């Protein structure tokens, strides 16, 4: 059986398991392509785990991410994989499941709450939850809500409204996270951020959110902490690009290894570690470190904060500008 290098096996930090591309939402900013993916072919989750263990070794990665599509459409497979890994002693610090939250079941909530490593990241996508859906989400012990900053969302006021709505209704302070758009080929161009959008967002944080945090607004304080946490998490990765790294493995249930866990295209497959024969159409692809290795990025003092950004981005100039403007915000946040 073909294996990854000893370096990867001994230092695997993040394992991305690509379950399938099916989703019950059609978001214009989604990074996935619409074509049928190799990950969608029928596969046994138990057989996957049996073949995965010799590849990654017996030491759990720090984090295991379960990716769709929408993972709740594959909940049976996700549960089987998590249970099988746990039975073999592979329990990471965090097992992160990113879901839109519309299809959570009581079985999922019960299972997640009985396994402390499971963290549920609920991507809001406009917040049209029914009372039943929302009540099921907030029964989770470990979860966060996430919204995306893009051309049509350049402030975080909606997150603040939802934060206090949850607090008033359910009696606790939820975690709300802001993530930033990746402008790749799967994302509709009208969601791409411009420099004007960046200026609007950063001005919002600098003149409204940070002052509110200093005045004691709980949401604003938590929002600043979350942004700093994400910055520090990127720095903690150490030397190398943002995503395509020797300490990160993105793999589907057939053993296909992908450059990026956000792209299920067969042309994004770089190898197969199970030596299973699945047709792979090789094609010219983007260099997985095309920005990180550039002279501009290598000479930038902020490289450890952004790692060159997303190598599939179609708006690198804007991404770079955004990273530099956010760095200024982080400095302000950290001032006492």
C-alpha atoms as a PDB file:
ATOM      1  CA  UNK A   1       0.000   0.000   0.000  1.00  0.00           C
ATOM      2  CA  UNK A   2       1.315   3.401  -0.988  1.00  0.00           C
ATOM      3  CA  UNK A   3       1.834   5.639   2.035  1.00  0.00           C
ATOM      4  CA  UNK A   4       2.511   9.271   2.650  1.00  0.00           C
ATOM      5  CA  UNK A   5       5.932  10.387   3.800  1.00  0.00           C
ATOM      6  CA  UNK A   6       7.096   9.658   7.337  1.00  0.00           C
ATOM      7  CA  UNK A   7       7.174  13.413   7.882  1.00  0.00           C
ATOM      8  CA  UNK A   8       3.474  13.707   7.113  1.00  0.00           C
ATOM      9  CA  UNK A   9       2.515  10.643   9.114  1.00  0.00           C
ATOM     10  CA  UNK A  10       4.383  11.857  12.187  1.00  0.00           C
ATOM     11  CA  UNK A  11       3.291  15.492  11.992  1.00  0.00           C
ATOM     12  CA  UNK A  12      -0.237  15.407  10.557  1.00  0.00           C
ATOM     13  CA  UNK A  13      -1.978  18.428  12.027  1.00  0.00           C
ATOM     14  CA  UNK A  14      -5.253  18.546  10.121  1.00  0.00           C
ATOM     15  CA  UNK A  15      -7.170  15.766   8.407  1.00  0.00           C
ATOM     16  CA  UNK A  16      -9.945  16.806   6.016  1.00  0.00           C
ATOM     17  CA  UNK A  17     -12.353  13.992   5.191  1.00  0.00           C
ATOM     18  CA  UNK A  18     -14.353  14.742   2.042  1.00  0.00           C
ATOM     19  CA  UNK A  19     -17.612  12.814   2.363  1.00  0.00           C
ATOM     20  CA  UNK A  20     -19.521  13.980  -0.724  1.00  0.00           C
ATOM     21  CA  UNK A  21     -20.569  17.074  -2.658  1.00  0.00           C
ATOM     22  CA  UNK A  22     -24.385  16.900  -2.289  1.00  0.00           C
ATOM     23  CA  UNK A  23     -26.014  19.896  -0.616  1.00  0.00           C
ATOM     24  CA  UNK A  24     -29.562  21.090   0.012  1.00  0.00           C
ATOM     25  CA  UNK A  25     -28.656  24.740  -0.571  1.00  0.00           C
ATOM     26  CA  UNK A  26     -27.391  26.563  -3.655  1.00  0.00           C
ATOM     27  CA  UNK A  27     -25.383  29.468  -2.288  1.00  0.00           C
ATOM     28  CA  UNK A  28     -23.876  31.768  -4.885  1.00  0.00           C
ATOM     29  CA  UNK A  29     -20.647  32.059  -2.916  1.00  0.00           C
ATOM     30  CA  UNK A  30     -20.119  28.305  -2.532  1.00  0.00           C
ATOM     31  CA  UNK A  31     -16.604  27.156  -3.398  1.00  0.00           C
ATOM     32  CA  UNK A  32     -17.693  23.791  -4.775  1.00  0.00           C
ATOM     33  CA  UNK A  33     -18.248  23.124  -8.459  1.00  0.00           C
ATOM     34  CA  UNK A  34     -21.508  21.600  -9.663  1.00  0.00           C
ATOM     35  CA  UNK A  35     -20.065  18.571 -11.431  1.00  0.00           C
ATOM     36  CA  UNK A  36     -20.332  15.080  -9.988  1.00  0.00           C
ATOM     37  CA  UNK A  37     -17.236  14.439  -7.922  1.00  0.00           C
ATOM     38  CA  UNK A  38     -15.207  11.236  -7.407  1.00  0.00           C
ATOM     39  CA  UNK A  39     -16.040  11.603  -3.711  1.00  0.00           C
ATOM     40  CA  UNK A  40     -19.687  10.950  -4.591  1.00  0.00           C
ATOM     41  CA  UNK A  41     -19.021   7.379  -5.717  1.00  0.00           C
ATOM     42  CA  UNK A  42     -20.329   4.697  -3.358  1.00  0.00           C
ATOM     43  CA  UNK A  43     -17.892   3.871  -0.549  1.00  0.00           C
ATOM     44  CA  UNK A  44     -17.806   1.991   2.744  1.00  0.00           C
ATOM     45  CA  UNK A  45     -16.956   4.213   5.737  1.00  0.00           C
ATOM     46  CA  UNK A  46     -15.632   1.231   7.707  1.00  0.00           C
ATOM     47  CA  UNK A  47     -13.385   0.124   4.852  1.00  0.00           C
ATOM     48  CA  UNK A  48     -12.185   3.726   4.570  1.00  0.00           C
ATOM     49  CA  UNK A  49     -11.087   3.799   8.210  1.00  0.00           C
ATOM     50  CA  UNK A  50      -9.332   0.431   7.886  1.00  0.00           C
ATOM     51  CA  UNK A  51      -7.293   1.741   4.968  1.00  0.00           C
ATOM     52  CA  UNK A  52      -6.748   5.178   6.482  1.00  0.00           C
ATOM     53  CA  UNK A  53      -5.039   4.028   9.689  1.00  0.00           C
ATOM     54  CA  UNK A  54      -1.890   2.691   7.952  1.00  0.00           C
ATOM     55  CA  UNK A  55      -1.649   6.011   6.102  1.00  0.00           C
ATOM     56  CA  UNK A  56      -1.900   8.393   9.057  1.00  0.00           C
ATOM     57  CA  UNK A  57      -0.450   6.137  11.762  1.00  0.00           C
ATOM     58  CA  UNK A  58      -1.863   5.561  15.233  1.00  0.00           C
ATOM     59  CA  UNK A  59      -1.545   9.137  16.471  1.00  0.00           C
ATOM     60  CA  UNK A  60      -4.604  11.316  16.097  1.00  0.00           C
ATOM     61  CA  UNK A  61      -4.274  14.545  14.112  1.00  0.00           C
ATOM     62  CA  UNK A  62      -4.916  17.686  16.126  1.00  0.00           C
ATOM     63  CA  UNK A  63      -8.091  18.309  14.134  1.00  0.00           C
ATOM     64  CA  UNK A  64     -10.328  16.232  11.874  1.00  0.00           C
ATOM     65  CA  UNK A  65     -12.795  18.068   9.642  1.00  0.00           C
ATOM     66  CA  UNK A  66     -15.793  16.360   8.045  1.00  0.00           C
ATOM     67  CA  UNK A  67     -16.747  18.164   4.835  1.00  0.00           C
ATOM     68  CA  UNK A  68     -19.652  18.140   2.402  1.00  0.00           C
ATOM     69  CA  UNK A  69     -21.540  19.369   0.532  1.00  0.00           C
ATOM     70  CA  UNK A  70     -23.864  19.237   3.476  1.00  0.00           C
ATOM     71  CA  UNK A  71     -22.558  16.658   6.008  1.00  0.00           C
ATOM     72  CA  UNK A  72     -26.026  16.015   7.435  1.00  0.00           C
ATOM     73  CA  UNK A  73     -26.980  14.445   4.090  1.00  0.00           C
ATOM     74  CA  UNK A  74     -24.231  11.932   4.921  1.00  0.00           C
ATOM     75  CA  UNK A  75     -24.753  11.734   8.681  1.00  0.00           C
ATOM     76  CA  UNK A  76     -24.767   7.926   8.688  1.00  0.00           C
ATOM     77  CA  UNK A  77     -21.329   7.848   7.061  1.00  0.00           C
ATOM     78  CA  UNK A  78     -19.945  10.640   9.258  1.00  0.00           C
ATOM     79  CA  UNK A  79     -21.120   8.861  12.402  1.00  0.00           C
ATOM     80  CA  UNK A  80     -19.702   5.524  11.231  1.00  0.00           C
ATOM     81  CA  UNK A  81     -16.292   7.052  10.452  1.00  0.00           C
ATOM     82  CA  UNK A  82     -16.089   8.982  13.723  1.00  0.00           C
ATOM     83  CA  UNK A  83     -17.116   5.888  15.722  1.00  0.00           C
ATOM     84  CA  UNK A  84     -14.651   3.635  13.907  1.00  0.00           C
ATOM     85  CA  UNK A  85     -11.769   6.081  14.406  1.00  0.00           C
ATOM     86  CA  UNK A  86     -12.665   6.430  18.074  1.00  0.00           C
ATOM     87  CA  UNK A  87     -12.691   2.632  18.471  1.00  0.00           C
ATOM     88  CA  UNK A  88      -9.124   2.593  17.148  1.00  0.00           C
ATOM     89  CA  UNK A  89      -8.000   5.310  19.542  1.00  0.00           C
ATOM     90  CA  UNK A  90      -7.963   8.100  16.967  1.00  0.00           C
ATOM     91  CA  UNK A  91      -9.622  10.937  18.895  1.00  0.00           C
ATOM     92  CA  UNK A  92      -8.425  14.434  17.932  1.00  0.00           C
ATOM     93  CA  UNK A  93      -8.657  17.528  20.068  1.00  0.00           C
ATOM     94  CA  UNK A  94     -11.468  18.620  17.764  1.00  0.00           C
ATOM     95  CA  UNK A  95     -13.658  16.886  15.213  1.00  0.00           C
ATOM     96  CA  UNK A  96     -15.260  19.744  13.291  1.00  0.00           C
ATOM     97  CA  UNK A  97     -18.462  19.254  11.331  1.00  0.00           C
ATOM     98  CA  UNK A  98     -19.530  22.228   9.216  1.00  0.00           C
ATOM     99  CA  UNK A  99     -23.264  22.236   8.465  1.00  0.00           C
ATOM    100  CA  UNK A 100     -25.921  24.721   7.432  1.00  0.00           C
ATOM    101  CA  UNK A 101     -27.947  23.458  10.415  1.00  0.00           C
ATOM    102  CA  UNK A 102     -31.222  22.891   8.582  1.00  0.00           C
ATOM    103  CA  UNK A 103     -31.064  19.079   8.733  1.00  0.00           C
ATOM    104  CA  UNK A 104     -29.754  18.418  12.235  1.00  0.00           C
ATOM    105  CA  UNK A 105     -31.475  15.473  13.904  1.00  0.00           C
ATOM    106  CA  UNK A 106     -31.982  14.521  17.531  1.00  0.00           C
ATOM    107  CA  UNK A 107     -29.631  11.608  16.907  1.00  0.00           C
ATOM    108  CA  UNK A 108     -26.913  14.006  15.772  1.00  0.00           C
ATOM    109  CA  UNK A 109     -27.353  16.264  18.803  1.00  0.00           C
ATOM    110  CA  UNK A 110     -27.254  13.293  21.177  1.00  0.00           C
ATOM    111  CA  UNK A 111     -24.176  11.806  19.529  1.00  0.00           C
ATOM    112  CA  UNK A 112     -22.307  15.119  19.341  1.00  0.00           C
ATOM    113  CA  UNK A 113     -23.050  15.914  22.977  1.00  0.00           C
ATOM    114  CA  UNK A 114     -21.770  12.503  24.063  1.00  0.00           C
ATOM    115  CA  UNK A 115     -18.451  13.015  22.225  1.00  0.00           C
ATOM    116  CA  UNK A 116     -16.590  16.057  23.616  1.00  0.00           C
ATOM    117  CA  UNK A 117     -14.261  16.255  20.614  1.00  0.00           C
ATOM    118  CA  UNK A 118     -17.112  17.133  18.234  1.00  0.00           C
ATOM    119  CA  UNK A 119     -17.511  20.815  17.446  1.00  0.00           C
ATOM    120  CA  UNK A 120     -20.376  21.830  15.167  1.00  0.00           C
ATOM    121  CA  UNK A 121     -19.792  24.861  12.976  1.00  0.00           C
ATOM    122  CA  UNK A 122     -23.192  26.133  11.838  1.00  0.00           C
ATOM    123  CA  UNK A 123     -22.975  28.226   8.664  1.00  0.00           C
ATOM    124  CA  UNK A 124     -25.996  30.528   8.840  1.00  0.00           C
ATOM    125  CA  UNK A 125     -26.469  31.362   5.141  1.00  0.00           C
ATOM    126  CA  UNK A 126     -29.051  34.043   5.785  1.00  0.00           C
ATOM    127  CA  UNK A 127     -30.595  32.772   9.017  1.00  0.00           C
ATOM    128  CA  UNK A 128     -33.979  31.403   7.919  1.00  0.00           C
ATOM    129  CA  UNK A 129     -34.185  28.770  10.667  1.00  0.00           C
ATOM    130  CA  UNK A 130     -37.510  27.508  11.917  1.00  0.00           C
ATOM    131  CA  UNK A 131     -38.047  27.485  15.675  1.00  0.00           C
ATOM    132  CA  UNK A 132     -37.574  23.718  15.680  1.00  0.00           C
ATOM    133  CA  UNK A 133     -34.276  23.937  13.787  1.00  0.00           C
ATOM    134  CA  UNK A 134     -32.923  26.690  16.029  1.00  0.00           C
ATOM    135  CA  UNK A 135     -33.957  24.936  19.219  1.00  0.00           C
ATOM    136  CA  UNK A 136     -32.155  21.798  18.069  1.00  0.00           C
ATOM    137  CA  UNK A 137     -28.992  23.752  17.257  1.00  0.00           C
ATOM    138  CA  UNK A 138     -28.795  25.438  20.646  1.00  0.00           C
ATOM    139  CA  UNK A 139     -29.097  22.062  22.403  1.00  0.00           C
ATOM    140  CA  UNK A 140     -25.567  21.326  21.193  1.00  0.00           C
ATOM    141  CA  UNK A 141     -22.907  21.635  23.890  1.00  0.00           C
ATOM    142  CA  UNK A 142     -20.121  22.747  21.518  1.00  0.00           C
ATOM    143  CA  UNK A 143     -20.993  24.825  18.497  1.00  0.00           C
ATOM    144  CA  UNK A 144     -20.631  28.181  16.809  1.00  0.00           C
ATOM    145  CA  UNK A 145     -22.555  30.196  14.254  1.00  0.00           C
ATOM    146  CA  UNK A 146     -20.614  31.422  11.228  1.00  0.00           C
ATOM    147  CA  UNK A 147     -21.408  34.079   8.653  1.00  0.00           C
ATOM    148  CA  UNK A 148     -19.439  35.050   5.576  1.00  0.00           C
ATOM    149  CA  UNK A 149     -18.147  38.532   4.789  1.00  0.00           C
ATOM    150  CA  UNK A 150     -18.508  39.260   1.063  1.00  0.00           C
ATOM    151  CA  UNK A 151     -19.575  41.988  -1.364  1.00  0.00           C
ATOM    152  CA  UNK A 152     -23.129  42.028  -0.024  1.00  0.00           C
ATOM    153  CA  UNK A 153     -22.149  41.838   3.659  1.00  0.00           C
ATOM    154  CA  UNK A 154     -19.564  44.402   4.724  1.00  0.00           C
ATOM    155  CA  UNK A 155     -20.611  44.805   8.352  1.00  0.00           C
ATOM    156  CA  UNK A 156     -21.476  42.476  11.232  1.00  0.00           C
ATOM    157  CA  UNK A 157     -24.609  44.096  12.618  1.00  0.00           C
ATOM    158  CA  UNK A 158     -26.761  41.090  11.780  1.00  0.00           C
ATOM    159  CA  UNK A 159     -24.440  38.888  13.847  1.00  0.00           C
ATOM    160  CA  UNK A 160     -24.872  41.259  16.788  1.00  0.00           C
ATOM    161  CA  UNK A 161     -28.651  41.163  16.444  1.00  0.00           C
ATOM    162  CA  UNK A 162     -28.640  37.361  16.371  1.00  0.00           C
ATOM    163  CA  UNK A 163     -26.211  37.174  19.303  1.00  0.00           C
ATOM    164  CA  UNK A 164     -28.538  39.096  21.609  1.00  0.00           C
ATOM    165  CA  UNK A 165     -31.604  37.366  20.197  1.00  0.00           C
ATOM    166  CA  UNK A 166     -30.128  33.986  21.194  1.00  0.00           C
ATOM    167  CA  UNK A 167     -28.969  35.349  24.534  1.00  0.00           C
ATOM    168  CA  UNK A 168     -32.413  36.754  25.382  1.00  0.00           C
ATOM    169  CA  UNK A 169     -34.323  33.723  24.172  1.00  0.00           C
ATOM    170  CA  UNK A 170     -32.145  30.866  25.412  1.00  0.00           C
ATOM    171  CA  UNK A 171     -30.168  32.406  28.256  1.00  0.00           C
ATOM    172  CA  UNK A 172     -26.581  31.930  27.099  1.00  0.00           C
ATOM    173  CA  UNK A 173     -24.004  33.761  24.981  1.00  0.00           C
ATOM    174  CA  UNK A 174     -23.411  31.948  21.648  1.00  0.00           C
ATOM    175  CA  UNK A 175     -20.210  31.935  19.652  1.00  0.00           C
ATOM    176  CA  UNK A 176     -20.487  33.914  16.408  1.00  0.00           C
ATOM    177  CA  UNK A 177     -17.673  33.843  13.869  1.00  0.00           C
ATOM    178  CA  UNK A 178     -17.012  35.981  10.811  1.00  0.00           C
ATOM    179  CA  UNK A 179     -15.216  34.286   7.930  1.00  0.00           C
ATOM    180  CA  UNK A 180     -14.018  35.872   4.704  1.00  0.00           C
ATOM    181  CA  UNK A 181     -14.947  34.962   1.142  1.00  0.00           C
ATOM    182  CA  UNK A 182     -12.562  32.950  -1.016  1.00  0.00           C
ATOM    183  CA  UNK A 183     -13.026  34.185  -4.568  1.00  0.00           C
ATOM    184  CA  UNK A 184     -12.347  31.025  -6.529  1.00  0.00           C
ATOM    185  CA  UNK A 185     -13.958  29.689  -9.712  1.00  0.00           C
ATOM    186  CA  UNK A 186     -16.807  28.052  -7.792  1.00  0.00           C
ATOM    187  CA  UNK A 187     -17.906  31.357  -6.272  1.00  0.00           C
ATOM    188  CA  UNK A 188     -20.130  33.672  -8.292  1.00  0.00           C
ATOM    189  CA  UNK A 189     -18.188  36.775  -9.277  1.00  0.00           C
ATOM    190  CA  UNK A 190     -20.833  39.165  -7.946  1.00  0.00           C
ATOM    191  CA  UNK A 191     -19.867  38.080  -4.410  1.00  0.00           C
ATOM    192  CA  UNK A 192     -16.178  38.937  -4.953  1.00  0.00           C
ATOM    193  CA  UNK A 193     -15.000  41.676  -2.619  1.00  0.00           C
ATOM    194  CA  UNK A 194     -13.557  44.929  -3.922  1.00  0.00           C
ATOM    195  CA  UNK A 195     -11.142  47.278  -2.195  1.00  0.00           C
ATOM    196  CA  UNK A 196     -14.123  49.524  -1.490  1.00  0.00           C
ATOM    197  CA  UNK A 197     -15.823  46.596   0.288  1.00  0.00           C
ATOM    198  CA  UNK A 198     -12.657  46.021   2.317  1.00  0.00           C
ATOM    199  CA  UNK A 199     -12.592  49.677   3.334  1.00  0.00           C
ATOM    200  CA  UNK A 200     -16.246  49.534   4.417  1.00  0.00           C
ATOM    201  CA  UNK A 201     -15.700  46.431   6.528  1.00  0.00           C
ATOM    202  CA  UNK A 202     -12.483  47.628   8.143  1.00  0.00           C
ATOM    203  CA  UNK A 203     -13.976  51.042   8.888  1.00  0.00           C
ATOM    204  CA  UNK A 204     -16.919  49.255  10.529  1.00  0.00           C
ATOM    205  CA  UNK A 205     -14.580  47.273  12.769  1.00  0.00           C
ATOM    206  CA  UNK A 206     -12.300  50.227  13.553  1.00  0.00           C
ATOM    207  CA  UNK A 207     -14.907  52.930  14.231  1.00  0.00           C
ATOM    208  CA  UNK A 208     -17.813  50.853  15.580  1.00  0.00           C
ATOM    209  CA  UNK A 209     -16.962  47.340  16.775  1.00  0.00           C
ATOM    210  CA  UNK A 210     -13.669  48.063  18.557  1.00  0.00           C
ATOM    211  CA  UNK A 211     -15.009  51.151  20.411  1.00  0.00           C
ATOM    212  CA  UNK A 212     -18.080  49.142  21.444  1.00  0.00           C
ATOM    213  CA  UNK A 213     -15.826  46.387  22.765  1.00  0.00           C
ATOM    214  CA  UNK A 214     -13.919  48.899  24.874  1.00  0.00           C
ATOM    215  CA  UNK A 215     -17.205  50.182  26.272  1.00  0.00           C
ATOM    216  CA  UNK A 216     -18.096  46.671  27.407  1.00  0.00           C
ATOM    217  CA  UNK A 217     -20.416  45.374  24.674  1.00  0.00           C
ATOM    218  CA  UNK A 218     -20.191  41.597  25.059  1.00  0.00           C
ATOM    219  CA  UNK A 219     -20.800  40.766  21.408  1.00  0.00           C
ATOM    220  CA  UNK A 220     -18.173  43.257  20.248  1.00  0.00           C
ATOM    221  CA  UNK A 221     -15.623  41.897  22.735  1.00  0.00           C
ATOM    222  CA  UNK A 222     -16.266  38.353  21.572  1.00  0.00           C
ATOM    223  CA  UNK A 223     -16.095  39.391  17.911  1.00  0.00           C
ATOM    224  CA  UNK A 224     -12.702  41.022  18.376  1.00  0.00           C
ATOM    225  CA  UNK A 225     -11.457  37.947  20.237  1.00  0.00           C
ATOM    226  CA  UNK A 226     -12.673  35.678  17.436  1.00  0.00           C
ATOM    227  CA  UNK A 227     -10.874  37.698  14.763  1.00  0.00           C
ATOM    228  CA  UNK A 228      -7.657  37.611  16.788  1.00  0.00           C
ATOM    229  CA  UNK A 229      -8.106  33.880  17.384  1.00  0.00           C
ATOM    230  CA  UNK A 230      -8.330  33.203  13.645  1.00  0.00           C
ATOM    231  CA  UNK A 231      -5.214  35.331  13.055  1.00  0.00           C
ATOM    232  CA  UNK A 232      -3.308  33.435  15.746  1.00  0.00           C
ATOM    233  CA  UNK A 233      -4.507  30.089  14.402  1.00  0.00           C
ATOM    234  CA  UNK A 234      -2.997  30.893  11.018  1.00  0.00           C
ATOM    235  CA  UNK A 235       0.281  31.950  12.626  1.00  0.00           C
ATOM    236  CA  UNK A 236       0.419  28.741  14.669  1.00  0.00           C
ATOM    237  CA  UNK A 237       0.515  26.648  11.493  1.00  0.00           C
ATOM    238  CA  UNK A 238       4.183  27.474  11.128  1.00  0.00           C
ATOM    239  CA  UNK A 239       6.216  27.604   7.947  1.00  0.00           C
ATOM    240  CA  UNK A 240       4.362  26.951   4.705  1.00  0.00           C
ATOM    241  CA  UNK A 241       1.357  28.038   2.619  1.00  0.00           C
ATOM    242  CA  UNK A 242      -2.150  28.489   3.973  1.00  0.00           C
ATOM    243  CA  UNK A 243      -3.790  25.203   2.944  1.00  0.00           C
ATOM    244  CA  UNK A 244      -1.668  22.915   0.754  1.00  0.00           C
ATOM    245  CA  UNK A 245       0.812  21.724   3.355  1.00  0.00           C
ATOM    246  CA  UNK A 246       2.708  18.596   4.355  1.00  0.00           C
ATOM    247  CA  UNK A 247       0.951  18.583   7.755  1.00  0.00           C
ATOM    248  CA  UNK A 248      -2.538  18.682   6.215  1.00  0.00           C
ATOM    249  CA  UNK A 249      -4.256  15.853   4.356  1.00  0.00           C
ATOM    250  CA  UNK A 250      -7.477  16.227   2.342  1.00  0.00           C
ATOM    251  CA  UNK A 251      -8.861  12.848   1.347  1.00  0.00           C
ATOM    252  CA  UNK A 252     -12.126  11.309   0.164  1.00  0.00           C
ATOM    253  CA  UNK A 253     -13.429   7.862   1.111  1.00  0.00           C
ATOM    254  CA  UNK A 254     -11.735   6.288  -1.917  1.00  0.00           C
ATOM    255  CA  UNK A 255      -8.246   7.430  -0.913  1.00  0.00           C
ATOM    256  CA  UNK A 256      -8.073  10.262  -3.427  1.00  0.00           C
ATOM    257  CA  UNK A 257      -5.931  13.087  -2.059  1.00  0.00           C
ATOM    258  CA  UNK A 258      -6.882  16.639  -3.019  1.00  0.00           C
ATOM    259  CA  UNK A 259      -4.827  19.811  -3.067  1.00  0.00           C
ATOM    260  CA  UNK A 260      -7.716  21.713  -1.489  1.00  0.00           C
ATOM    261  CA  UNK A 261     -10.641  20.431   0.577  1.00  0.00           C
ATOM    262  CA  UNK A 262     -12.864  23.127  -0.915  1.00  0.00           C
ATOM    263  CA  UNK A 263     -12.504  21.732  -4.427  1.00  0.00           C
ATOM    264  CA  UNK A 264     -13.894  18.257  -5.186  1.00  0.00           C
ATOM    265  CA  UNK A 265     -13.031  18.401  -8.906  1.00  0.00           C
ATOM    266  CA  UNK A 266     -11.246  15.319 -10.238  1.00  0.00           C
ATOM    267  CA  UNK A 267      -8.600  17.653 -11.655  1.00  0.00           C
ATOM    268  CA  UNK A 268      -7.750  18.670  -8.080  1.00  0.00           C
ATOM    269  CA  UNK A 269      -6.722  15.109  -7.175  1.00  0.00           C
ATOM    270  CA  UNK A 270      -2.968  14.741  -6.796  1.00  0.00           C
ATOM    271  CA  UNK A 271      -2.691  11.030  -5.895  1.00  0.00           C
ATOM    272  CA  UNK A 272      -4.474   8.068  -4.358  1.00  0.00           C
ATOM    273  CA  UNK A 273      -3.101   6.564  -1.147  1.00  0.00           C
ATOM    274  CA  UNK A 274      -5.291   3.447  -1.197  1.00  0.00           C
ATOM    275  CA  UNK A 275      -4.151   2.459  -4.708  1.00  0.00           C
ATOM    276  CA  UNK A 276      -7.758   2.026  -5.696  1.00  0.00           C
ATOM    277  CA  UNK A 277      -8.436   2.460  -9.385  1.00  0.00           C
ATOM    278  CA  UNK A 278     -10.736   5.422  -9.947  1.00  0.00           C
ATOM    279  CA  UNK A 279     -10.454   7.312 -13.257  1.00  0.00           C
ATOM    280  CA  UNK A 280      -8.546  10.535 -12.717  1.00  0.00           C
ATOM    281  CA  UNK A 281      -8.386  12.974 -15.587  1.00  0.00           C
ATOM    282  CA  UNK A 282      -5.154  14.852 -15.177  1.00  0.00           C
ATOM    283  CA  UNK A 283      -5.193  18.451 -16.280  1.00  0.00           C
ATOM    284  CA  UNK A 284      -3.150  21.566 -15.871  1.00  0.00           C
ATOM    285  CA  UNK A 285      -3.861  23.032 -12.470  1.00  0.00           C
ATOM    286  CA  UNK A 286      -2.851  26.060 -10.471  1.00  0.00           C
ATOM    287  CA  UNK A 287       0.429  25.950  -8.582  1.00  0.00           C
ATOM    288  CA  UNK A 288      -0.555  25.204  -5.007  1.00  0.00           C
ATOM    289  CA  UNK A 289       1.841  27.846  -3.666  1.00  0.00           C
ATOM    290  CA  UNK A 290       1.683  30.351  -6.514  1.00  0.00           C
ATOM    291  CA  UNK A 291       1.214  33.347  -4.200  1.00  0.00           C
ATOM    292  CA  UNK A 292       3.066  32.058  -1.153  1.00  0.00           C
ATOM    293  CA  UNK A 293       6.279  31.532  -3.143  1.00  0.00           C
ATOM    294  CA  UNK A 294       6.089  34.846  -4.980  1.00  0.00           C
ATOM    295  CA  UNK A 295       8.761  37.440  -4.322  1.00  0.00           C
ATOM    296  CA  UNK A 296       6.112  39.874  -3.099  1.00  0.00           C
ATOM    297  CA  UNK A 297       4.716  37.467  -0.490  1.00  0.00           C
ATOM    298  CA  UNK A 298       8.070  36.127   0.643  1.00  0.00           C
ATOM    299  CA  UNK A 299       9.292  39.640   1.355  1.00  0.00           C
ATOM    300  CA  UNK A 300       6.106  40.706   3.172  1.00  0.00           C
ATOM    301  CA  UNK A 301       6.297  41.117   6.945  1.00  0.00           C
ATOM    302  CA  UNK A 302       2.724  39.792   7.231  1.00  0.00           C
ATOM    303  CA  UNK A 303       3.395  36.465   5.512  1.00  0.00           C
ATOM    304  CA  UNK A 304       2.918  34.452   8.705  1.00  0.00           C
ATOM    305  CA  UNK A 305      -0.544  35.980   9.149  1.00  0.00           C
ATOM    306  CA  UNK A 306      -1.920  35.255   5.667  1.00  0.00           C
ATOM    307  CA  UNK A 307       0.402  32.555   4.225  1.00  0.00           C
ATOM    308  CA  UNK A 308      -0.097  34.042   0.782  1.00  0.00           C
ATOM    309  CA  UNK A 309      -3.850  33.582   1.001  1.00  0.00           C
ATOM    310  CA  UNK A 310      -5.919  31.128  -1.032  1.00  0.00           C
ATOM    311  CA  UNK A 311      -3.928  29.825  -3.987  1.00  0.00           C
ATOM    312  CA  UNK A 312      -7.139  29.486  -6.059  1.00  0.00           C
ATOM    313  CA  UNK A 313      -8.225  33.076  -5.484  1.00  0.00           C
ATOM    314  CA  UNK A 314      -9.136  35.246  -8.465  1.00  0.00           C
ATOM    315  CA  UNK A 315      -8.785  38.434  -6.419  1.00  0.00           C
ATOM    316  CA  UNK A 316      -5.328  38.117  -4.873  1.00  0.00           C
ATOM    317  CA  UNK A 317      -4.649  41.841  -5.051  1.00  0.00           C
ATOM    318  CA  UNK A 318      -7.790  42.529  -3.015  1.00  0.00           C
ATOM    319  CA  UNK A 319      -6.982  39.641  -0.642  1.00  0.00           C
ATOM    320  CA  UNK A 320      -3.536  41.087  -0.037  1.00  0.00           C
ATOM    321  CA  UNK A 321      -4.969  44.545   0.609  1.00  0.00           C
ATOM    322  CA  UNK A 322      -7.530  43.038   3.002  1.00  0.00           C
ATOM    323  CA  UNK A 323      -4.840  41.126   4.927  1.00  0.00           C
ATOM    324  CA  UNK A 324      -2.811  44.310   5.413  1.00  0.00           C
ATOM    325  CA  UNK A 325      -5.848  46.302   6.528  1.00  0.00           C
ATOM    326  CA  UNK A 326      -6.892  43.585   8.974  1.00  0.00           C
ATOM    327  CA  UNK A 327      -3.384  43.550  10.430  1.00  0.00           C
ATOM    328  CA  UNK A 328      -3.862  47.221  11.319  1.00  0.00           C
ATOM    329  CA  UNK A 329      -7.119  46.327  13.063  1.00  0.00           C
ATOM    330  CA  UNK A 330      -5.434  43.553  15.044  1.00  0.00           C
ATOM    331  CA  UNK A 331      -2.843  46.021  16.327  1.00  0.00           C
ATOM    332  CA  UNK A 332      -5.611  48.341  17.533  1.00  0.00           C
ATOM    333  CA  UNK A 333      -7.491  45.449  19.191  1.00  0.00           C
ATOM    334  CA  UNK A 334      -4.410  44.400  21.121  1.00  0.00           C
ATOM    335  CA  UNK A 335      -3.719  47.846  22.560  1.00  0.00           C
ATOM    336  CA  UNK A 336      -4.678  48.174  26.202  1.00  0.00           C
END
